[in-house]
Structure formats: C-alpha cells, structure tokens
C-alpha cells in the first residue's frame, strides 16, 4: 500500500491523505477546516476546490456544481476527490 499523499492548500493547511480516502474526509480527520463542508455527497458544491498540481481521480459529482469544462480546468468537489499523488489545491 502506498504511503499517504501530502495535500497542501494554497495559503492554508497541509495534511496526509491515503489514495482510497476522500480529501475532504482526510482534512476533517486531521482537524483542519480550510475547505467548506456541506453534504459530503457530491451534490451541494460547498467543498469545491481547484487542483493546481498533482494527479487525482474523482467520484460522481453534480454537473450543476462542476461542469465538464471546469473539470478539465482542475475543479472538483473535495468530498469526491481521491489523490493519486501529492496535491496542491486552491479553495474558493
């Protein structure tokens, strides 16, 4: 099993997240609160972030919250974001 990845938030916290753990859940587990928390189910959009650097995969997200063009630009919902490398993310 790979070591947990380092997740860094531009101007904010950093924490570790395993490949099979959602970034939002890892942030909460580590006691951080830089990313807004809503439904945790991919529908509300409160945890919307942009991946600046790194590889990742996402689970199902509402296209009303993140369009296909936005996905291609690196936007995602942290509750549906799984790291595949260290990540640098922007909130807001």
PDB file of N, CA and C in Angstrom:
ATOM      1  N   UNK A   1       0.850  -1.190   0.000  1.00  0.00           N
ATOM      2  CA  UNK A   1       0.000   0.000   0.000  1.00  0.00           C
ATOM      3  C   UNK A   1       0.886   1.241   0.000  1.00  0.00           C
ATOM      4  N   UNK A   2       0.612   2.212  -0.890  1.00  0.00           N
ATOM      5  CA  UNK A   2       1.462   3.400  -0.934  1.00  0.00           C
ATOM      6  C   UNK A   2       1.305   4.250   0.323  1.00  0.00           C
ATOM      7  N   UNK A   3       2.344   4.999   0.608  1.00  0.00           N
ATOM      8  CA  UNK A   3       2.274   5.936   1.729  1.00  0.00           C
ATOM      9  C   UNK A   3       1.179   6.966   1.458  1.00  0.00           C
ATOM     10  N   UNK A   4       0.617   7.560   2.508  1.00  0.00           N
ATOM     11  CA  UNK A   4      -0.366   8.622   2.271  1.00  0.00           C
ATOM     12  C   UNK A   4       0.285   9.795   1.525  1.00  0.00           C
ATOM     13  N   UNK A   5      -0.514  10.471   0.732  1.00  0.00           N
ATOM     14  CA  UNK A   5      -0.043  11.613  -0.032  1.00  0.00           C
ATOM     15  C   UNK A   5      -0.155  12.888   0.789  1.00  0.00           C
ATOM     16  N   UNK A   6       0.693  13.851   0.485  1.00  0.00           N
ATOM     17  CA  UNK A   6       0.668  15.161   1.128  1.00  0.00           C
ATOM     18  C   UNK A   6      -0.294  16.050   0.340  1.00  0.00           C
ATOM     19  N   UNK A   7      -1.271  16.613   1.045  1.00  0.00           N
ATOM     20  CA  UNK A   7      -2.224  17.538   0.442  1.00  0.00           C
ATOM     21  C   UNK A   7      -1.911  18.916   1.011  1.00  0.00           C
ATOM     22  N   UNK A   8      -1.606  19.860   0.127  1.00  0.00           N
ATOM     23  CA  UNK A   8      -1.321  21.231   0.569  1.00  0.00           C
ATOM     24  C   UNK A   8      -2.379  22.162  -0.010  1.00  0.00           C
ATOM     25  N   UNK A   9      -2.881  23.063   0.831  1.00  0.00           N
ATOM     26  CA  UNK A   9      -3.858  24.058   0.407  1.00  0.00           C
ATOM     27  C   UNK A   9      -3.131  25.382   0.268  1.00  0.00           C
ATOM     28  N   UNK A  10      -3.257  26.028  -0.881  1.00  0.00           N
ATOM     29  CA  UNK A  10      -2.600  27.315  -1.118  1.00  0.00           C
ATOM     30  C   UNK A  10      -2.995  28.286  -0.001  1.00  0.00           C
ATOM     31  N   UNK A  11      -1.998  28.788   0.722  1.00  0.00           N
ATOM     32  CA  UNK A  11      -2.246  29.742   1.800  1.00  0.00           C
ATOM     33  C   UNK A  11      -2.894  29.143   3.032  1.00  0.00           C
ATOM     34  N   UNK A  12      -2.868  27.812   3.142  1.00  0.00           N
ATOM     35  CA  UNK A  12      -3.573  27.189   4.267  1.00  0.00           C
ATOM     36  C   UNK A  12      -2.876  25.953   4.789  1.00  0.00           C
ATOM     37  N   UNK A  13      -3.673  25.010   5.199  1.00  0.00           N
ATOM     38  CA  UNK A  13      -3.216  23.805   5.883  1.00  0.00           C
ATOM     39  C   UNK A  13      -2.549  22.812   4.933  1.00  0.00           C
ATOM     40  N   UNK A  14      -1.911  21.839   5.537  1.00  0.00           N
ATOM     41  CA  UNK A  14      -1.444  20.668   4.796  1.00  0.00           C
ATOM     42  C   UNK A  14      -1.709  19.463   5.680  1.00  0.00           C
ATOM     43  N   UNK A  15      -2.002  18.330   5.044  1.00  0.00           N
ATOM     44  CA  UNK A  15      -2.352  17.109   5.766  1.00  0.00           C
ATOM     45  C   UNK A  15      -2.097  15.925   4.865  1.00  0.00           C
ATOM     46  N   UNK A  16      -2.185  14.721   5.418  1.00  0.00           N
ATOM     47  CA  UNK A  16      -1.934  13.477   4.684  1.00  0.00           C
ATOM     48  C   UNK A  16      -3.268  12.845   4.309  1.00  0.00           C
ATOM     49  N   UNK A  17      -3.276  12.185   3.125  1.00  0.00           N
ATOM     50  CA  UNK A  17      -4.492  11.535   2.646  1.00  0.00           C
ATOM     51  C   UNK A  17      -4.106  10.289   1.867  1.00  0.00           C
ATOM     52  N   UNK A  18      -4.693   9.166   2.228  1.00  0.00           N
ATOM     53  CA  UNK A  18      -4.439   7.909   1.514  1.00  0.00           C
ATOM     54  C   UNK A  18      -5.153   7.927   0.167  1.00  0.00           C
ATOM     55  N   UNK A  19      -4.697   7.096  -0.760  1.00  0.00           N
ATOM     56  CA  UNK A  19      -5.267   7.041  -2.110  1.00  0.00           C
ATOM     57  C   UNK A  19      -6.741   6.653  -2.112  1.00  0.00           C
ATOM     58  N   UNK A  20      -7.169   5.888  -1.120  1.00  0.00           N
ATOM     59  CA  UNK A  20      -8.565   5.445  -1.078  1.00  0.00           C
ATOM     60  C   UNK A  20      -9.425   6.287  -0.133  1.00  0.00           C
ATOM     61  N   UNK A  21      -8.894   7.436   0.298  1.00  0.00           N
ATOM     62  CA  UNK A  21      -9.624   8.322   1.212  1.00  0.00           C
ATOM     63  C   UNK A  21      -9.971   9.615   0.478  1.00  0.00           C
ATOM     64  N   UNK A  22     -11.168  10.118   0.714  1.00  0.00           N
ATOM     65  CA  UNK A  22     -11.576  11.381   0.103  1.00  0.00           C
ATOM     66  C   UNK A  22     -10.832  12.532   0.795  1.00  0.00           C
ATOM     67  N   UNK A  23     -10.382  13.504   0.005  1.00  0.00           N
ATOM     68  CA  UNK A  23      -9.597  14.626   0.539  1.00  0.00           C
ATOM     69  C   UNK A  23     -10.360  15.366   1.639  1.00  0.00           C
ATOM     70  N   UNK A  24     -11.648  15.590   1.459  1.00  0.00           N
ATOM     71  CA  UNK A  24     -12.437  16.297   2.471  1.00  0.00           C
ATOM     72  C   UNK A  24     -12.444  15.551   3.801  1.00  0.00           C
ATOM     73  N   UNK A  25     -12.612  14.233   3.747  1.00  0.00           N
ATOM     74  CA  UNK A  25     -12.653  13.416   4.959  1.00  0.00           C
ATOM     75  C   UNK A  25     -11.281  13.418   5.647  1.00  0.00           C
ATOM     76  N   UNK A  26     -10.213  13.342   4.852  1.00  0.00           N
ATOM     77  CA  UNK A  26      -8.858  13.393   5.422  1.00  0.00           C
ATOM     78  C   UNK A  26      -8.618  14.725   6.117  1.00  0.00           C
ATOM     79  N   UNK A  27      -9.075  15.817   5.508  1.00  0.00           N
ATOM     80  CA  UNK A  27      -8.916  17.139   6.121  1.00  0.00           C
ATOM     81  C   UNK A  27      -9.620  17.181   7.476  1.00  0.00           C
ATOM     82  N   UNK A  28     -10.844  16.700   7.515  1.00  0.00           N
ATOM     83  CA  UNK A  28     -11.589  16.691   8.782  1.00  0.00           C
ATOM     84  C   UNK A  28     -10.905  15.806   9.822  1.00  0.00           C
ATOM     85  N   UNK A  29     -10.438  14.630   9.384  1.00  0.00           N
ATOM     86  CA  UNK A  29      -9.772  13.693  10.298  1.00  0.00           C
ATOM     87  C   UNK A  29      -8.537  14.334  10.935  1.00  0.00           C
ATOM     88  N   UNK A  30      -7.859  15.198  10.167  1.00  0.00           N
ATOM     89  CA  UNK A  30      -6.638  15.841  10.646  1.00  0.00           C
ATOM     90  C   UNK A  30      -6.924  17.122  11.435  1.00  0.00           C
ATOM     91  N   UNK A  31      -8.196  17.441  11.629  1.00  0.00           N
ATOM     92  CA  UNK A  31      -8.569  18.599  12.436  1.00  0.00           C
ATOM     93  C   UNK A  31      -8.438  19.938  11.715  1.00  0.00           C
ATOM     94  N   UNK A  32      -8.376  19.909  10.407  1.00  0.00           N
ATOM     95  CA  UNK A  32      -8.273  21.148   9.629  1.00  0.00           C
ATOM     96  C   UNK A  32      -9.664  21.554   9.139  1.00  0.00           C
ATOM     97  N   UNK A  33      -9.794  22.820   8.706  1.00  0.00           N
ATOM     98  CA  UNK A  33     -11.112  23.289   8.267  1.00  0.00           C
ATOM     99  C   UNK A  33     -11.034  24.309   7.132  1.00  0.00           C
ATOM    100  N   UNK A  34     -10.010  24.226   6.305  1.00  0.00           N
ATOM    101  CA  UNK A  34      -9.835  25.192   5.216  1.00  0.00           C
ATOM    102  C   UNK A  34     -10.866  25.038   4.099  1.00  0.00           C
ATOM    103  N   UNK A  35     -11.389  23.838   3.910  1.00  0.00           N
ATOM    104  CA  UNK A  35     -12.371  23.565   2.854  1.00  0.00           C
ATOM    105  C   UNK A  35     -13.758  23.521   3.494  1.00  0.00           C
ATOM    106  N   UNK A  36     -14.712  24.205   2.875  1.00  0.00           N
ATOM    107  CA  UNK A  36     -16.080  24.188   3.387  1.00  0.00           C
ATOM    108  C   UNK A  36     -16.668  22.787   3.344  1.00  0.00           C
ATOM    109  N   UNK A  37     -17.476  22.462   4.356  1.00  0.00           N
ATOM    110  CA  UNK A  37     -18.085  21.134   4.450  1.00  0.00           C
ATOM    111  C   UNK A  37     -19.604  21.270   4.347  1.00  0.00           C
ATOM    112  N   UNK A  38     -20.182  20.514   3.441  1.00  0.00           N
ATOM    113  CA  UNK A  38     -21.638  20.524   3.268  1.00  0.00           C
ATOM    114  C   UNK A  38     -22.192  19.124   3.368  1.00  0.00           C
ATOM    115  N   UNK A  39     -22.742  18.645   2.263  1.00  0.00           N
ATOM    116  CA  UNK A  39     -23.464  17.363   2.260  1.00  0.00           C
ATOM    117  C   UNK A  39     -22.546  16.136   2.271  1.00  0.00           C
ATOM    118  N   UNK A  40     -21.283  16.302   1.890  1.00  0.00           N
ATOM    119  CA  UNK A  40     -20.310  15.203   1.786  1.00  0.00           C
ATOM    120  C   UNK A  40     -20.703  14.162   0.735  1.00  0.00           C
ATOM    121  N   UNK A  41     -21.684  14.510  -0.121  1.00  0.00           N
ATOM    122  CA  UNK A  41     -22.178  13.535  -1.088  1.00  0.00           C
ATOM    123  C   UNK A  41     -22.038  13.937  -2.547  1.00  0.00           C
ATOM    124  N   UNK A  42     -21.354  15.030  -2.832  1.00  0.00           N
ATOM    125  CA  UNK A  42     -21.131  15.433  -4.220  1.00  0.00           C
ATOM    126  C   UNK A  42     -22.241  16.254  -4.829  1.00  0.00           C
ATOM    127  N   UNK A  43     -23.186  16.734  -4.031  1.00  0.00           N
ATOM    128  CA  UNK A  43     -24.321  17.456  -4.594  1.00  0.00           C
ATOM    129  C   UNK A  43     -24.410  18.934  -4.289  1.00  0.00           C
ATOM    130  N   UNK A  44     -23.875  19.385  -3.148  1.00  0.00           N
ATOM    131  CA  UNK A  44     -24.118  20.775  -2.739  1.00  0.00           C
ATOM    132  C   UNK A  44     -23.093  21.767  -3.287  1.00  0.00           C
ATOM    133  N   UNK A  45     -21.861  21.339  -3.511  1.00  0.00           N
ATOM    134  CA  UNK A  45     -20.838  22.222  -4.073  1.00  0.00           C
ATOM    135  C   UNK A  45     -20.075  23.060  -3.081  1.00  0.00           C
ATOM    136  N   UNK A  46     -20.373  22.962  -1.797  1.00  0.00           N
ATOM    137  CA  UNK A  46     -19.698  23.787  -0.795  1.00  0.00           C
ATOM    138  C   UNK A  46     -18.200  23.487  -0.731  1.00  0.00           C
ATOM    139  N   UNK A  47     -17.794  22.252  -0.994  1.00  0.00           N
ATOM    140  CA  UNK A  47     -16.384  21.852  -0.885  1.00  0.00           C
ATOM    141  C   UNK A  47     -15.634  21.959  -2.217  1.00  0.00           C
ATOM    142  N   UNK A  48     -16.116  22.801  -3.120  1.00  0.00           N
ATOM    143  CA  UNK A  48     -15.497  22.971  -4.443  1.00  0.00           C
ATOM    144  C   UNK A  48     -14.080  23.533  -4.309  1.00  0.00           C
ATOM    145  N   UNK A  49     -13.146  22.905  -4.978  1.00  0.00           N
ATOM    146  CA  UNK A  49     -11.744  23.310  -4.963  1.00  0.00           C
ATOM    147  C   UNK A  49     -11.194  23.228  -6.390  1.00  0.00           C
ATOM    148  N   UNK A  50      -9.953  23.709  -6.572  1.00  0.00           N
ATOM    149  CA  UNK A  50      -9.258  23.521  -7.846  1.00  0.00           C
ATOM    150  C   UNK A  50      -7.912  22.884  -7.560  1.00  0.00           C
ATOM    151  N   UNK A  51      -7.619  21.807  -8.261  1.00  0.00           N
ATOM    152  CA  UNK A  51      -6.319  21.148  -8.127  1.00  0.00           C
ATOM    153  C   UNK A  51      -5.322  21.918  -8.993  1.00  0.00           C
ATOM    154  N   UNK A  52      -4.325  22.512  -8.338  1.00  0.00           N
ATOM    155  CA  UNK A  52      -3.301  23.298  -9.017  1.00  0.00           C
ATOM    156  C   UNK A  52      -2.214  22.379  -9.565  1.00  0.00           C
ATOM    157  N   UNK A  53      -1.872  21.357  -8.768  1.00  0.00           N
ATOM    158  CA  UNK A  53      -0.806  20.451  -9.171  1.00  0.00           C
ATOM    159  C   UNK A  53      -1.037  19.077  -8.562  1.00  0.00           C
ATOM    160  N   UNK A  54      -0.768  18.039  -9.335  1.00  0.00           N
ATOM    161  CA  UNK A  54      -0.872  16.669  -8.850  1.00  0.00           C
ATOM    162  C   UNK A  54      -1.880  15.857  -9.627  1.00  0.00           C
ATOM    163  N   UNK A  55      -1.840  14.547  -9.400  1.00  0.00           N
ATOM    164  CA  UNK A  55      -2.732  13.608 -10.074  1.00  0.00           C
ATOM    165  C   UNK A  55      -3.809  13.149  -9.101  1.00  0.00           C
ATOM    166  N   UNK A  56      -4.997  12.928  -9.634  1.00  0.00           N
ATOM    167  CA  UNK A  56      -6.134  12.558  -8.790  1.00  0.00           C
ATOM    168  C   UNK A  56      -7.191  11.871  -9.634  1.00  0.00           C
ATOM    169  N   UNK A  57      -8.167  11.305  -8.932  1.00  0.00           N
ATOM    170  CA  UNK A  57      -9.369  10.799  -9.585  1.00  0.00           C
ATOM    171  C   UNK A  57     -10.555  11.316  -8.795  1.00  0.00           C
ATOM    172  N   UNK A  58     -11.704  11.350  -9.426  1.00  0.00           N
ATOM    173  CA  UNK A  58     -12.899  11.826  -8.732  1.00  0.00           C
ATOM    174  C   UNK A  58     -14.005  10.794  -8.825  1.00  0.00           C
ATOM    175  N   UNK A  59     -14.863  10.828  -7.830  1.00  0.00           N
ATOM    176  CA  UNK A  59     -16.087  10.054  -7.862  1.00  0.00           C
ATOM    177  C   UNK A  59     -17.164  10.893  -8.538  1.00  0.00           C
ATOM    178  N   UNK A  60     -18.395  10.429  -8.505  1.00  0.00           N
ATOM    179  CA  UNK A  60     -19.518  11.122  -9.138  1.00  0.00           C
ATOM    180  C   UNK A  60     -19.760  12.470  -8.464  1.00  0.00           C
ATOM    181  N   UNK A  61     -19.861  13.514  -9.301  1.00  0.00           N
ATOM    182  CA  UNK A  61     -20.124  14.867  -8.810  1.00  0.00           C
ATOM    183  C   UNK A  61     -21.282  15.455  -9.606  1.00  0.00           C
ATOM    184  N   UNK A  62     -22.050  16.345  -8.999  1.00  0.00           N
ATOM    185  CA  UNK A  62     -23.136  17.027  -9.680  1.00  0.00           C
ATOM    186  C   UNK A  62     -22.575  17.942 -10.769  1.00  0.00           C
ATOM    187  N   UNK A  63     -23.051  17.779 -12.007  1.00  0.00           N
ATOM    188  CA  UNK A  63     -22.591  18.651 -13.090  1.00  0.00           C
ATOM    189  C   UNK A  63     -23.139  20.068 -12.912  1.00  0.00           C
ATOM    190  N   UNK A  64     -24.135  20.241 -12.049  1.00  0.00           N
ATOM    191  CA  UNK A  64     -24.621  21.585 -11.718  1.00  0.00           C
ATOM    192  C   UNK A  64     -23.589  22.327 -10.868  1.00  0.00           C
ATOM    193  N   UNK A  65     -22.716  21.595 -10.196  1.00  0.00           N
ATOM    194  CA  UNK A  65     -21.694  22.199  -9.319  1.00  0.00           C
ATOM    195  C   UNK A  65     -20.334  22.288  -9.994  1.00  0.00           C
ATOM    196  N   UNK A  66     -20.009  21.302 -10.850  1.00  0.00           N
ATOM    197  CA  UNK A  66     -18.728  21.285 -11.576  1.00  0.00           C
ATOM    198  C   UNK A  66     -19.021  20.810 -13.001  1.00  0.00           C
ATOM    199  N   UNK A  67     -18.952  21.739 -13.949  1.00  0.00           N
ATOM    200  CA  UNK A  67     -19.225  21.383 -15.345  1.00  0.00           C
ATOM    201  C   UNK A  67     -18.055  20.588 -15.919  1.00  0.00           C
ATOM    202  N   UNK A  68     -18.267  20.005 -17.078  1.00  0.00           N
ATOM    203  CA  UNK A  68     -17.200  19.234 -17.730  1.00  0.00           C
ATOM    204  C   UNK A  68     -16.001  20.137 -18.035  1.00  0.00           C
ATOM    205  N   UNK A  69     -16.255  21.357 -18.501  1.00  0.00           N
ATOM    206  CA  UNK A  69     -15.161  22.301 -18.798  1.00  0.00           C
ATOM    207  C   UNK A  69     -14.398  22.657 -17.521  1.00  0.00           C
ATOM    208  N   UNK A  70     -15.121  22.823 -16.415  1.00  0.00           N
ATOM    209  CA  UNK A  70     -14.464  23.127 -15.135  1.00  0.00           C
ATOM    210  C   UNK A  70     -13.638  21.933 -14.658  1.00  0.00           C
ATOM    211  N   UNK A  71     -14.158  20.727 -14.856  1.00  0.00           N
ATOM    212  CA  UNK A  71     -13.379  19.527 -14.502  1.00  0.00           C
ATOM    213  C   UNK A  71     -12.058  19.504 -15.247  1.00  0.00           C
ATOM    214  N   UNK A  72     -12.115  19.810 -16.533  1.00  0.00           N
ATOM    215  CA  UNK A  72     -10.898  19.829 -17.346  1.00  0.00           C
ATOM    216  C   UNK A  72      -9.918  20.901 -16.874  1.00  0.00           C
ATOM    217  N   UNK A  73     -10.427  21.964 -16.229  1.00  0.00           N
ATOM    218  CA  UNK A  73      -9.584  23.036 -15.704  1.00  0.00           C
ATOM    219  C   UNK A  73      -9.090  22.731 -14.284  1.00  0.00           C
ATOM    220  N   UNK A  74      -9.427  21.534 -13.763  1.00  0.00           N
ATOM    221  CA  UNK A  74      -8.935  21.120 -12.453  1.00  0.00           C
ATOM    222  C   UNK A  74      -9.884  21.304 -11.294  1.00  0.00           C
ATOM    223  N   UNK A  75     -11.108  21.772 -11.568  1.00  0.00           N
ATOM    224  CA  UNK A  75     -12.071  21.944 -10.484  1.00  0.00           C
ATOM    225  C   UNK A  75     -12.689  20.599 -10.103  1.00  0.00           C
ATOM    226  N   UNK A  76     -12.974  20.456  -8.817  1.00  0.00           N
ATOM    227  CA  UNK A  76     -13.584  19.222  -8.306  1.00  0.00           C
ATOM    228  C   UNK A  76     -14.234  19.524  -6.964  1.00  0.00           C
ATOM    229  N   UNK A  77     -14.985  18.569  -6.462  1.00  0.00           N
ATOM    230  CA  UNK A  77     -15.528  18.649  -5.102  1.00  0.00           C
ATOM    231  C   UNK A  77     -14.635  17.798  -4.210  1.00  0.00           C
ATOM    232  N   UNK A  78     -14.153  18.384  -3.125  1.00  0.00           N
ATOM    233  CA  UNK A  78     -13.213  17.683  -2.245  1.00  0.00           C
ATOM    234  C   UNK A  78     -13.814  16.414  -1.652  1.00  0.00           C
ATOM    235  N   UNK A  79     -15.144  16.358  -1.529  1.00  0.00           N
ATOM    236  CA  UNK A  79     -15.794  15.161  -0.992  1.00  0.00           C
ATOM    237  C   UNK A  79     -15.778  14.006  -1.988  1.00  0.00           C
ATOM    238  N   UNK A  80     -15.371  14.278  -3.218  1.00  0.00           N
ATOM    239  CA  UNK A  80     -15.316  13.253  -4.262  1.00  0.00           C
ATOM    240  C   UNK A  80     -13.928  13.181  -4.897  1.00  0.00           C
ATOM    241  N   UNK A  81     -12.930  13.708  -4.196  1.00  0.00           N
ATOM    242  CA  UNK A  81     -11.566  13.791  -4.716  1.00  0.00           C
ATOM    243  C   UNK A  81     -10.661  12.792  -4.002  1.00  0.00           C
ATOM    244  N   UNK A  82      -9.998  11.943  -4.793  1.00  0.00           N
ATOM    245  CA  UNK A  82      -9.069  10.941  -4.276  1.00  0.00           C
ATOM    246  C   UNK A  82      -7.685  11.220  -4.856  1.00  0.00           C
ATOM    247  N   UNK A  83      -6.652  11.395  -4.029  1.00  0.00           N
ATOM    248  CA  UNK A  83      -5.324  11.687  -4.562  1.00  0.00           C
ATOM    249  C   UNK A  83      -4.677  10.479  -5.214  1.00  0.00           C
ATOM    250  N   UNK A  84      -3.887  10.734  -6.264  1.00  0.00           N
ATOM    251  CA  UNK A  84      -3.059   9.695  -6.891  1.00  0.00           C
ATOM    252  C   UNK A  84      -1.581  10.119  -6.832  1.00  0.00           C
ATOM    253  N   UNK A  85      -1.351  11.274  -6.180  1.00  0.00           N
ATOM    254  CA  UNK A  85      -0.011  11.808  -5.947  1.00  0.00           C
ATOM    255  C   UNK A  85      -0.174  12.909  -4.892  1.00  0.00           C
ATOM    256  N   UNK A  86       0.916  13.547  -4.503  1.00  0.00           N
ATOM    257  CA  UNK A  86       0.803  14.734  -3.659  1.00  0.00           C
ATOM    258  C   UNK A  86      -0.007  15.766  -4.443  1.00  0.00           C
ATOM    259  N   UNK A  87      -0.822  16.558  -3.735  1.00  0.00           N
ATOM    260  CA  UNK A  87      -1.662  17.546  -4.396  1.00  0.00           C
ATOM    261  C   UNK A  87      -1.456  18.940  -3.814  1.00  0.00           C
ATOM    262  N   UNK A  88      -1.563  19.937  -4.678  1.00  0.00           N
ATOM    263  CA  UNK A  88      -1.641  21.338  -4.274  1.00  0.00           C
ATOM    264  C   UNK A  88      -3.010  21.803  -4.735  1.00  0.00           C
ATOM    265  N   UNK A  89      -3.833  22.297  -3.787  1.00  0.00           N
ATOM    266  CA  UNK A  89      -5.199  22.706  -4.139  1.00  0.00           C
ATOM    267  C   UNK A  89      -5.477  24.130  -3.695  1.00  0.00           C
ATOM    268  N   UNK A  90      -6.400  24.758  -4.418  1.00  0.00           N
ATOM    269  CA  UNK A  90      -6.887  26.089  -4.101  1.00  0.00           C
ATOM    270  C   UNK A  90      -8.332  25.973  -3.642  1.00  0.00           C
ATOM    271  N   UNK A  91      -8.687  26.745  -2.626  1.00  0.00           N
ATOM    272  CA  UNK A  91     -10.055  26.771  -2.119  1.00  0.00           C
ATOM    273  C   UNK A  91     -10.701  28.077  -2.563  1.00  0.00           C
ATOM    274  N   UNK A  92     -11.996  28.011  -2.914  1.00  0.00           N
ATOM    275  CA  UNK A  92     -12.718  29.237  -3.244  1.00  0.00           C
ATOM    276  C   UNK A  92     -12.837  29.525  -4.709  1.00  0.00           C
TER     277      UNK A  92
END
